Amino acid sequence: MSDKDNKGSMTVAEAGRKGGETVRNERGREFYETIGRKGGATVKAERGRSFYEEIGRKGGETVKAERGAKFYEEIGKKGGDRVKATRGPNFYEEIGRKGGQKVKKLIEEGKRAARAAMAAQEGAAGAPPQEGAAPSPPPSSGEPAGPGQNE
């Protein structure tokens, strides 16, 4: 390529940046938010939620390797301070209470499911009755009851 052909040319990165700025100025930031959401929904439909979990984990590992675990402590504190400033300290009390109620509900559901599973297992296995339970009557053979047996 001669100097004449190369005059005024730009790199692909420069052209992309210039084009992006033009679109932003013409259509606004919301345009990018909208197409980003649409693209994300399409990727989720094609690849599933696990794809985002995997790339998020990889990205987190990279950031941790580059900046250290302390970085996450710092940004977590900044985020928490920002939420406290915008929503107030009562917000944390409210979400803490909701979280506690949810945990309590999940524990109760887990206990009920465990009891049901145990009962189903005992019924299917013909397990002996539990301590304190009344004995089950013997099967009827059609013969009269002998001495000491229920009549």
C-alpha atoms as a PDB file:
ATOM      1  CA  MET A   1       0.000   0.000   0.000  1.00  0.00           C
ATOM      2  CA  SER A   2       1.422   3.423  -0.869  1.00  0.00           C
ATOM      3  CA  ASP A   3       1.346   6.481   1.371  1.00  0.00           C
ATOM      4  CA  LYS A   4      -1.375   7.907  -0.863  1.00  0.00           C
ATOM      5  CA  ASP A   5      -3.679   4.916  -0.173  1.00  0.00           C
ATOM      6  CA  ASN A   6      -2.952   5.018   3.586  1.00  0.00           C
ATOM      7  CA  LYS A   7      -3.647   8.750   3.968  1.00  0.00           C
ATOM      8  CA  GLY A   8      -6.348   9.454   6.539  1.00  0.00           C
ATOM      9  CA  SER A   9      -6.917   5.810   7.434  1.00  0.00           C
ATOM     10  CA  MET A  10      -7.522   4.695  10.999  1.00  0.00           C
ATOM     11  CA  THR A  11      -7.237   1.461  12.911  1.00  0.00           C
ATOM     12  CA  VAL A  12     -10.188  -0.842  13.393  1.00  0.00           C
ATOM     13  CA  ALA A  13     -10.268   0.100  17.083  1.00  0.00           C
ATOM     14  CA  GLU A  14     -10.382   3.811  16.237  1.00  0.00           C
ATOM     15  CA  ALA A  15     -13.144   3.267  13.688  1.00  0.00           C
ATOM     16  CA  GLY A  16     -15.170   1.221  16.174  1.00  0.00           C
ATOM     17  CA  ARG A  17     -14.777   3.816  18.896  1.00  0.00           C
ATOM     18  CA  LYS A  18     -15.798   6.618  16.526  1.00  0.00           C
ATOM     19  CA  GLY A  19     -18.820   4.663  15.316  1.00  0.00           C
ATOM     20  CA  GLY A  20     -19.880   3.833  18.870  1.00  0.00           C
ATOM     21  CA  GLU A  21     -19.658   7.454  19.927  1.00  0.00           C
ATOM     22  CA  THR A  22     -21.739   8.504  16.912  1.00  0.00           C
ATOM     23  CA  VAL A  23     -24.456   5.951  17.742  1.00  0.00           C
ATOM     24  CA  ARG A  24     -24.416   6.994  21.408  1.00  0.00           C
ATOM     25  CA  ASN A  25     -24.820  10.646  20.450  1.00  0.00           C
ATOM     26  CA  GLU A  26     -27.648   9.879  18.009  1.00  0.00           C
ATOM     27  CA  ARG A  27     -29.588   7.236  19.969  1.00  0.00           C
ATOM     28  CA  GLY A  28     -28.495   7.684  23.594  1.00  0.00           C
ATOM     29  CA  ARG A  29     -27.202   5.364  26.266  1.00  0.00           C
ATOM     30  CA  GLU A  30     -30.576   3.618  26.665  1.00  0.00           C
ATOM     31  CA  PHE A  31     -30.163   2.143  23.172  1.00  0.00           C
ATOM     32  CA  TYR A  32     -27.091   0.223  24.317  1.00  0.00           C
ATOM     33  CA  GLU A  33     -28.850  -0.902  27.483  1.00  0.00           C
ATOM     34  CA  THR A  34     -31.770  -2.240  25.434  1.00  0.00           C
ATOM     35  CA  ILE A  35     -29.677  -4.129  22.900  1.00  0.00           C
ATOM     36  CA  GLY A  36     -27.466  -5.446  25.713  1.00  0.00           C
ATOM     37  CA  ARG A  37     -30.500  -6.879  27.517  1.00  0.00           C
ATOM     38  CA  LYS A  38     -31.790  -8.437  24.284  1.00  0.00           C
ATOM     39  CA  GLY A  39     -28.408  -9.949  23.530  1.00  0.00           C
ATOM     40  CA  GLY A  40     -28.074 -11.280  27.055  1.00  0.00           C
ATOM     41  CA  ALA A  41     -31.516 -12.890  26.882  1.00  0.00           C
ATOM     42  CA  THR A  42     -30.624 -14.532  23.573  1.00  0.00           C
ATOM     43  CA  VAL A  43     -27.346 -15.917  24.935  1.00  0.00           C
ATOM     44  CA  LYS A  44     -29.133 -17.191  28.050  1.00  0.00           C
ATOM     45  CA  ALA A  45     -31.750 -18.925  25.897  1.00  0.00           C
ATOM     46  CA  GLU A  46     -29.071 -20.532  23.705  1.00  0.00           C
ATOM     47  CA  ARG A  47     -26.440 -21.432  26.309  1.00  0.00           C
ATOM     48  CA  GLY A  48     -28.312 -21.450  29.608  1.00  0.00           C
ATOM     49  CA  ARG A  49     -27.700 -19.829  32.941  1.00  0.00           C
ATOM     50  CA  SER A  50     -24.668 -22.003  33.619  1.00  0.00           C
ATOM     51  CA  PHE A  51     -22.774 -20.170  30.854  1.00  0.00           C
ATOM     52  CA  TYR A  52     -23.032 -16.890  32.765  1.00  0.00           C
ATOM     53  CA  GLU A  53     -22.113 -18.630  36.009  1.00  0.00           C
ATOM     54  CA  GLU A  54     -18.994 -20.064  34.381  1.00  0.00           C
ATOM     55  CA  ILE A  55     -17.799 -16.820  32.785  1.00  0.00           C
ATOM     56  CA  GLY A  56     -18.553 -14.930  35.995  1.00  0.00           C
ATOM     57  CA  ARG A  57     -16.490 -17.415  38.000  1.00  0.00           C
ATOM     58  CA  LYS A  58     -13.597 -17.188  35.525  1.00  0.00           C
ATOM     59  CA  GLY A  59     -13.754 -13.396  35.550  1.00  0.00           C
ATOM     60  CA  GLY A  60     -13.805 -13.328  39.328  1.00  0.00           C
ATOM     61  CA  GLU A  61     -10.779 -15.605  39.507  1.00  0.00           C
ATOM     62  CA  THR A  62      -8.900 -13.363  37.064  1.00  0.00           C
ATOM     63  CA  VAL A  63      -9.696 -10.216  39.044  1.00  0.00           C
ATOM     64  CA  LYS A  64      -8.734 -11.936  42.302  1.00  0.00           C
ATOM     65  CA  ALA A  65      -5.405 -13.035  40.776  1.00  0.00           C
ATOM     66  CA  GLU A  66      -4.693  -9.532  39.449  1.00  0.00           C
ATOM     67  CA  ARG A  67      -5.940  -7.418  42.362  1.00  0.00           C
ATOM     68  CA  GLY A  68      -6.132  -9.761  45.335  1.00  0.00           C
ATOM     69  CA  ALA A  69      -8.958 -10.701  47.702  1.00  0.00           C
ATOM     70  CA  LYS A  70      -8.639  -7.341  49.476  1.00  0.00           C
ATOM     71  CA  PHE A  71     -10.071  -5.690  46.350  1.00  0.00           C
ATOM     72  CA  TYR A  72     -13.402  -7.450  46.896  1.00  0.00           C
ATOM     73  CA  GLU A  73     -13.480  -6.280  50.511  1.00  0.00           C
ATOM     74  CA  GLU A  74     -12.948  -2.688  49.398  1.00  0.00           C
ATOM     75  CA  ILE A  75     -15.606  -2.686  46.671  1.00  0.00           C
ATOM     76  CA  GLY A  76     -18.048  -4.510  48.961  1.00  0.00           C
ATOM     77  CA  LYS A  77     -17.626  -1.848  51.621  1.00  0.00           C
ATOM     78  CA  LYS A  78     -18.043   0.939  49.052  1.00  0.00           C
ATOM     79  CA  GLY A  79     -21.209  -0.682  47.750  1.00  0.00           C
ATOM     80  CA  GLY A  80     -22.593  -1.205  51.234  1.00  0.00           C
ATOM     81  CA  ASP A  81     -21.872   2.402  52.185  1.00  0.00           C
ATOM     82  CA  ARG A  82     -23.589   3.590  49.011  1.00  0.00           C
ATOM     83  CA  VAL A  83     -26.709   1.510  49.691  1.00  0.00           C
ATOM     84  CA  LYS A  84     -26.789   2.729  53.300  1.00  0.00           C
ATOM     85  CA  ALA A  85     -26.528   6.352  52.102  1.00  0.00           C
ATOM     86  CA  THR A  86     -29.304   5.992  49.510  1.00  0.00           C
ATOM     87  CA  ARG A  87     -31.707   3.643  51.315  1.00  0.00           C
ATOM     88  CA  GLY A  88     -30.872   4.194  54.956  1.00  0.00           C
ATOM     89  CA  PRO A  89     -29.851   1.769  57.705  1.00  0.00           C
ATOM     90  CA  ASN A  90     -33.428   0.496  58.084  1.00  0.00           C
ATOM     91  CA  PHE A  91     -33.089  -1.127  54.669  1.00  0.00           C
ATOM     92  CA  TYR A  92     -30.575  -3.618  56.069  1.00  0.00           C
ATOM     93  CA  GLU A  93     -32.855  -4.390  59.007  1.00  0.00           C
ATOM     94  CA  GLU A  94     -35.728  -5.044  56.595  1.00  0.00           C
ATOM     95  CA  ILE A  95     -33.810  -7.338  54.250  1.00  0.00           C
ATOM     96  CA  GLY A  96     -32.239  -9.118  57.232  1.00  0.00           C
ATOM     97  CA  ARG A  97     -35.677  -9.838  58.653  1.00  0.00           C
ATOM     98  CA  LYS A  98     -36.947 -11.050  55.260  1.00  0.00           C
ATOM     99  CA  GLY A  99     -33.896 -13.257  54.839  1.00  0.00           C
ATOM    100  CA  GLY A 100     -34.311 -14.717  58.302  1.00  0.00           C
ATOM    101  CA  GLN A 101     -37.974 -15.494  57.624  1.00  0.00           C
ATOM    102  CA  LYS A 102     -37.048 -17.161  54.343  1.00  0.00           C
ATOM    103  CA  VAL A 103     -34.383 -19.294  56.019  1.00  0.00           C
ATOM    104  CA  LYS A 104     -36.810 -20.296  58.768  1.00  0.00           C
ATOM    105  CA  LYS A 105     -39.406 -21.302  56.168  1.00  0.00           C
ATOM    106  CA  LEU A 106     -36.851 -23.338  54.191  1.00  0.00           C
ATOM    107  CA  ILE A 107     -35.695 -25.146  57.339  1.00  0.00           C
ATOM    108  CA  GLU A 108     -39.298 -26.035  58.240  1.00  0.00           C
ATOM    109  CA  GLU A 109     -39.939 -27.306  54.694  1.00  0.00           C
ATOM    110  CA  GLY A 110     -36.762 -29.374  54.851  1.00  0.00           C
ATOM    111  CA  LYS A 111     -37.763 -30.924  58.167  1.00  0.00           C
ATOM    112  CA  ARG A 112     -41.245 -31.762  56.831  1.00  0.00           C
ATOM    113  CA  ALA A 113     -39.752 -33.352  53.714  1.00  0.00           C
ATOM    114  CA  ALA A 114     -37.304 -35.370  55.825  1.00  0.00           C
ATOM    115  CA  ARG A 115     -40.124 -36.624  58.086  1.00  0.00           C
ATOM    116  CA  ALA A 116     -42.213 -37.572  55.062  1.00  0.00           C
ATOM    117  CA  ALA A 117     -39.274 -39.403  53.488  1.00  0.00           C
ATOM    118  CA  MET A 118     -38.600 -41.289  56.747  1.00  0.00           C
ATOM    119  CA  ALA A 119     -42.266 -42.254  57.050  1.00  0.00           C
ATOM    120  CA  ALA A 120     -42.383 -43.443  53.452  1.00  0.00           C
ATOM    121  CA  GLN A 121     -39.161 -45.404  53.919  1.00  0.00           C
ATOM    122  CA  GLU A 122     -40.451 -47.065  57.094  1.00  0.00           C
ATOM    123  CA  GLY A 123     -43.753 -47.935  55.433  1.00  0.00           C
ATOM    124  CA  ALA A 124     -42.064 -49.404  52.368  1.00  0.00           C
ATOM    125  CA  ALA A 125     -39.473 -51.404  54.313  1.00  0.00           C
ATOM    126  CA  GLY A 126     -41.937 -52.835  56.816  1.00  0.00           C
ATOM    127  CA  ALA A 127     -39.715 -51.590  59.600  1.00  0.00           C
ATOM    128  CA  PRO A 128     -40.580 -52.601  63.152  1.00  0.00           C
ATOM    129  CA  PRO A 129     -42.722 -50.098  65.022  1.00  0.00           C
ATOM    130  CA  GLN A 130     -40.981 -47.311  66.835  1.00  0.00           C
ATOM    131  CA  GLU A 131     -40.558 -47.414  70.592  1.00  0.00           C
ATOM    132  CA  GLY A 132     -43.800 -46.492  72.361  1.00  0.00           C
ATOM    133  CA  ALA A 133     -45.978 -47.368  69.363  1.00  0.00           C
ATOM    134  CA  ALA A 134     -48.794 -49.889  69.770  1.00  0.00           C
ATOM    135  CA  PRO A 135     -47.976 -53.348  68.343  1.00  0.00           C
ATOM    136  CA  SER A 136     -49.842 -54.274  65.219  1.00  0.00           C
ATOM    137  CA  PRO A 137     -52.272 -57.208  65.486  1.00  0.00           C
ATOM    138  CA  PRO A 138     -51.135 -60.576  64.103  1.00  0.00           C
ATOM    139  CA  PRO A 139     -52.557 -61.537  60.735  1.00  0.00           C
ATOM    140  CA  SER A 140     -55.799 -63.490  60.917  1.00  0.00           C
ATOM    141  CA  SER A 141     -55.524 -67.166  59.957  1.00  0.00           C
ATOM    142  CA  GLY A 142     -59.220 -67.913  60.331  1.00  0.00           C
ATOM    143  CA  GLU A 143     -58.623 -70.022  63.482  1.00  0.00           C
ATOM    144  CA  PRO A 144     -60.032 -69.087  66.855  1.00  0.00           C
ATOM    145  CA  ALA A 145     -57.742 -67.130  69.133  1.00  0.00           C
ATOM    146  CA  GLY A 146     -55.799 -69.188  71.663  1.00  0.00           C
ATOM    147  CA  PRO A 147     -55.277 -68.413  75.332  1.00  0.00           C
ATOM    148  CA  GLY A 148     -53.651 -65.049  75.980  1.00  0.00           C
ATOM    149  CA  GLN A 149     -54.498 -63.781  72.518  1.00  0.00           C
ATOM    150  CA  ASN A 150     -57.063 -61.111  71.780  1.00  0.00           C
ATOM    151  CA  GLU A 151     -60.437 -62.502  70.924  1.00  0.00           C
END
